Protein backbone atom coordinates (compact mmCIF):
# COMPACT_ATOMS: atom_id res chain seq x y z
CA UNK A 1 143.11 52.51 -13.31
CA UNK A 2 139.83 50.89 -12.46
CA UNK A 3 138.53 52.50 -9.31
CA UNK A 4 135.26 50.78 -8.42
CA UNK A 5 134.76 52.88 -5.31
CA UNK A 6 134.81 56.27 -6.97
CA UNK A 7 131.84 57.10 -9.19
CA UNK A 8 131.23 60.59 -10.42
CA UNK A 9 130.43 63.07 -7.68
CA UNK A 10 127.66 65.08 -9.29
CA UNK A 11 124.24 64.30 -7.88
CA UNK A 12 122.74 63.87 -4.42
CA UNK A 13 123.83 60.85 -2.44
CA UNK A 14 121.91 57.72 -3.29
CA UNK A 15 122.18 53.99 -2.97
CA UNK A 16 121.04 51.20 -5.21
CA UNK A 17 122.98 52.03 -8.34
CA UNK A 18 121.62 50.29 -11.44
CA UNK A 19 125.07 48.91 -12.27
CA UNK A 20 125.93 47.67 -8.74
CA UNK A 21 123.37 44.91 -8.13
CA UNK A 22 122.66 43.27 -4.79
CA UNK A 23 125.23 40.54 -4.30
CA UNK A 24 127.95 42.40 -6.22
CA UNK A 25 131.31 41.99 -4.47
CA UNK A 26 131.71 45.78 -4.06
CA UNK A 27 128.09 46.60 -3.15
CA UNK A 28 128.67 46.95 0.60
CA UNK A 29 131.67 49.28 0.15
CA UNK A 30 129.86 51.36 -2.49
CA UNK A 31 126.86 51.74 -0.18
CA UNK A 32 129.14 52.71 2.72
CA UNK A 33 131.03 55.47 0.88
CA UNK A 34 127.76 56.68 -0.65
CA UNK A 35 125.99 56.82 2.71
CA UNK A 36 128.89 58.85 4.13
CA UNK A 37 128.49 61.32 1.27
CA UNK A 38 131.96 60.80 -0.21
CA UNK A 39 130.59 59.80 -3.62
CA UNK A 40 127.21 60.04 -5.24
CA UNK A 41 127.25 58.51 -8.69
CA UNK A 42 125.95 59.79 -11.99
CA UNK A 43 122.63 61.58 -12.56
CA UNK A 44 121.35 58.55 -14.53
CA UNK A 45 121.52 56.38 -11.40
CA UNK A 46 124.71 54.54 -12.33
CA UNK A 47 127.98 54.20 -10.48
CA UNK A 48 130.22 53.31 -13.45
CA UNK A 49 132.82 51.62 -11.30
CA UNK A 50 134.59 50.02 -14.24
CA UNK A 51 135.84 53.34 -15.61
CA UNK A 52 138.97 55.19 -14.47
CA UNK A 53 138.61 57.89 -11.84
CA UNK A 54 139.37 61.46 -12.98
CA UNK A 55 141.36 63.95 -10.95
CA UNK A 56 138.20 65.97 -10.30
CA UNK A 57 136.24 62.98 -9.02
CA UNK A 58 139.12 61.97 -6.78
CA UNK A 59 139.64 65.52 -5.47
CA UNK A 60 135.97 65.97 -4.57
CA UNK A 61 135.76 62.57 -2.85
CA UNK A 62 139.02 63.24 -0.96
CA UNK A 63 137.80 66.65 0.10
CA UNK A 64 134.54 65.21 1.40
CA UNK A 65 136.52 62.56 3.27
CA UNK A 66 138.85 65.17 4.80
CA UNK A 67 135.93 67.37 5.84
CA UNK A 68 134.25 64.37 7.46
CA UNK A 69 137.42 63.65 9.45
CA UNK A 70 137.68 67.30 10.47
CA UNK A 71 134.06 67.27 11.58
CA UNK A 72 134.63 64.05 13.52
CA UNK A 73 137.61 65.53 15.32
CA UNK A 74 135.45 68.55 16.19
CA UNK A 75 138.30 70.93 15.63
CA UNK A 76 138.57 71.70 11.96
CA UNK A 77 141.79 73.62 11.41
CA UNK A 78 141.78 77.06 9.95
CA UNK A 79 143.08 76.89 6.41
CA UNK A 80 146.50 78.48 6.27
CA UNK A 81 146.53 81.49 4.02
CA UNK A 82 148.93 80.92 1.20
CA UNK A 83 149.62 82.85 -1.93
CA UNK A 84 146.71 82.26 -4.32
CA UNK A 85 147.73 79.30 -6.43
CA UNK A 86 146.00 77.81 -9.40
CA UNK A 87 144.03 74.62 -8.88
CA UNK A 88 143.64 73.82 -12.57
CA UNK A 89 140.00 74.85 -13.03
CA UNK A 90 138.00 78.06 -13.06
CA UNK A 91 136.00 79.12 -9.96
CA UNK A 92 132.74 78.03 -11.62
CA UNK A 93 133.88 74.42 -12.12
CA UNK A 94 132.05 71.80 -10.02
CA UNK A 95 135.32 70.60 -8.39
CA UNK A 96 136.82 74.04 -7.74
CA UNK A 97 135.79 74.36 -4.08
CA UNK A 98 137.17 70.91 -3.24
CA UNK A 99 140.43 71.52 -5.09
CA UNK A 100 140.79 74.87 -3.34
CA UNK A 101 140.20 73.31 0.12
CA UNK A 102 142.75 70.54 -0.48
CA UNK A 103 145.37 73.08 -1.59
CA UNK A 104 144.66 75.88 0.88
CA UNK A 105 144.38 73.44 3.79
CA UNK A 106 147.85 72.11 3.02
CA UNK A 107 146.49 68.63 2.37
CA UNK A 108 148.13 68.42 -1.04
CA UNK A 109 151.09 70.38 -2.45
CA UNK A 110 150.56 72.62 -5.46
CA UNK A 111 152.74 70.20 -7.44
CA UNK A 112 150.16 67.41 -7.05
CA UNK A 113 148.85 66.08 -10.37
CA UNK A 114 145.36 66.67 -9.00
CA UNK A 115 145.96 70.36 -9.71
CA UNK A 116 147.43 69.79 -13.20
CA UNK A 117 145.05 71.29 -15.74
CA UNK A 118 146.36 68.91 -18.42
CA UNK A 119 145.81 65.74 -16.38
CA UNK A 120 142.58 63.79 -16.74
CA UNK A 121 143.12 60.45 -15.01
CA UNK A 122 145.45 59.60 -12.17
CA UNK A 123 147.77 56.61 -11.91
CA UNK A 124 147.59 54.22 -8.94
CA UNK A 125 150.87 55.69 -7.69
CA UNK A 126 149.45 59.23 -7.82
CA UNK A 127 146.31 58.13 -5.97
CA UNK A 128 148.38 56.45 -3.26
CA UNK A 129 150.68 59.44 -2.92
CA UNK A 130 147.73 61.82 -2.53
CA UNK A 131 146.16 59.61 0.16
CA UNK A 132 149.47 59.45 2.01
CA UNK A 133 149.94 63.21 1.85
CA UNK A 134 146.44 63.80 3.18
CA UNK A 135 146.91 61.28 6.01
CA UNK A 136 150.20 62.95 6.98
CA UNK A 137 148.58 66.39 7.01
CA UNK A 138 145.67 65.20 9.15
CA UNK A 139 148.12 63.61 11.58
CA UNK A 140 150.17 66.82 11.65
CA UNK A 141 147.12 68.99 12.30
CA UNK A 142 145.64 66.80 14.96
CA UNK A 143 148.74 65.46 16.71
CA UNK A 144 147.85 61.84 16.26
CA UNK A 145 151.35 60.69 15.42
CA UNK A 146 152.77 58.16 17.84
CA UNK A 147 156.32 58.70 19.01
CA UNK A 148 157.64 55.17 18.70
CA UNK A 149 160.86 56.19 20.44
CA UNK A 150 158.92 56.52 23.70
CA UNK A 151 156.71 53.47 23.22
CA UNK A 152 158.14 50.20 24.50
CA UNK A 153 158.26 47.52 21.84
CA UNK A 154 155.47 44.95 22.02
CA UNK A 155 156.28 41.81 23.97
CA UNK A 156 156.62 38.70 21.85
CA UNK A 157 153.71 36.30 22.01
CA UNK A 158 154.83 32.95 23.50
């Protein structure tokens, strides 16, 4: 899986990656997700968008995205207390806090491959499933689901 928009989330946010030149088709999107703090690239100043995303990189970026949404809604939910479950890394690992937040907040189920200690890279299907689960949880927490039963259907355009 080539995920151009997820570099490694290790260093402070920066723009102007050496390997994403001005005029590159993805430059604007890379700058946008970097400026929001979702990703930050590698310590050597590269983005490495041609390499597959790892489960840790994806989990940290997703967690930062979720926290930004919570902040924007100005009512971050209290994480439900669940039985301590493994997130696939030790507490000292750089992705541990993000993995813990995604699990404890109910954003992803414990069965997600993001928490699988044996997994390294995620498939496109797994990435899509995780995004869908997170979107559903945010909608559930913040009551943004539309009840289409009560909404009249749109009128056809003549």
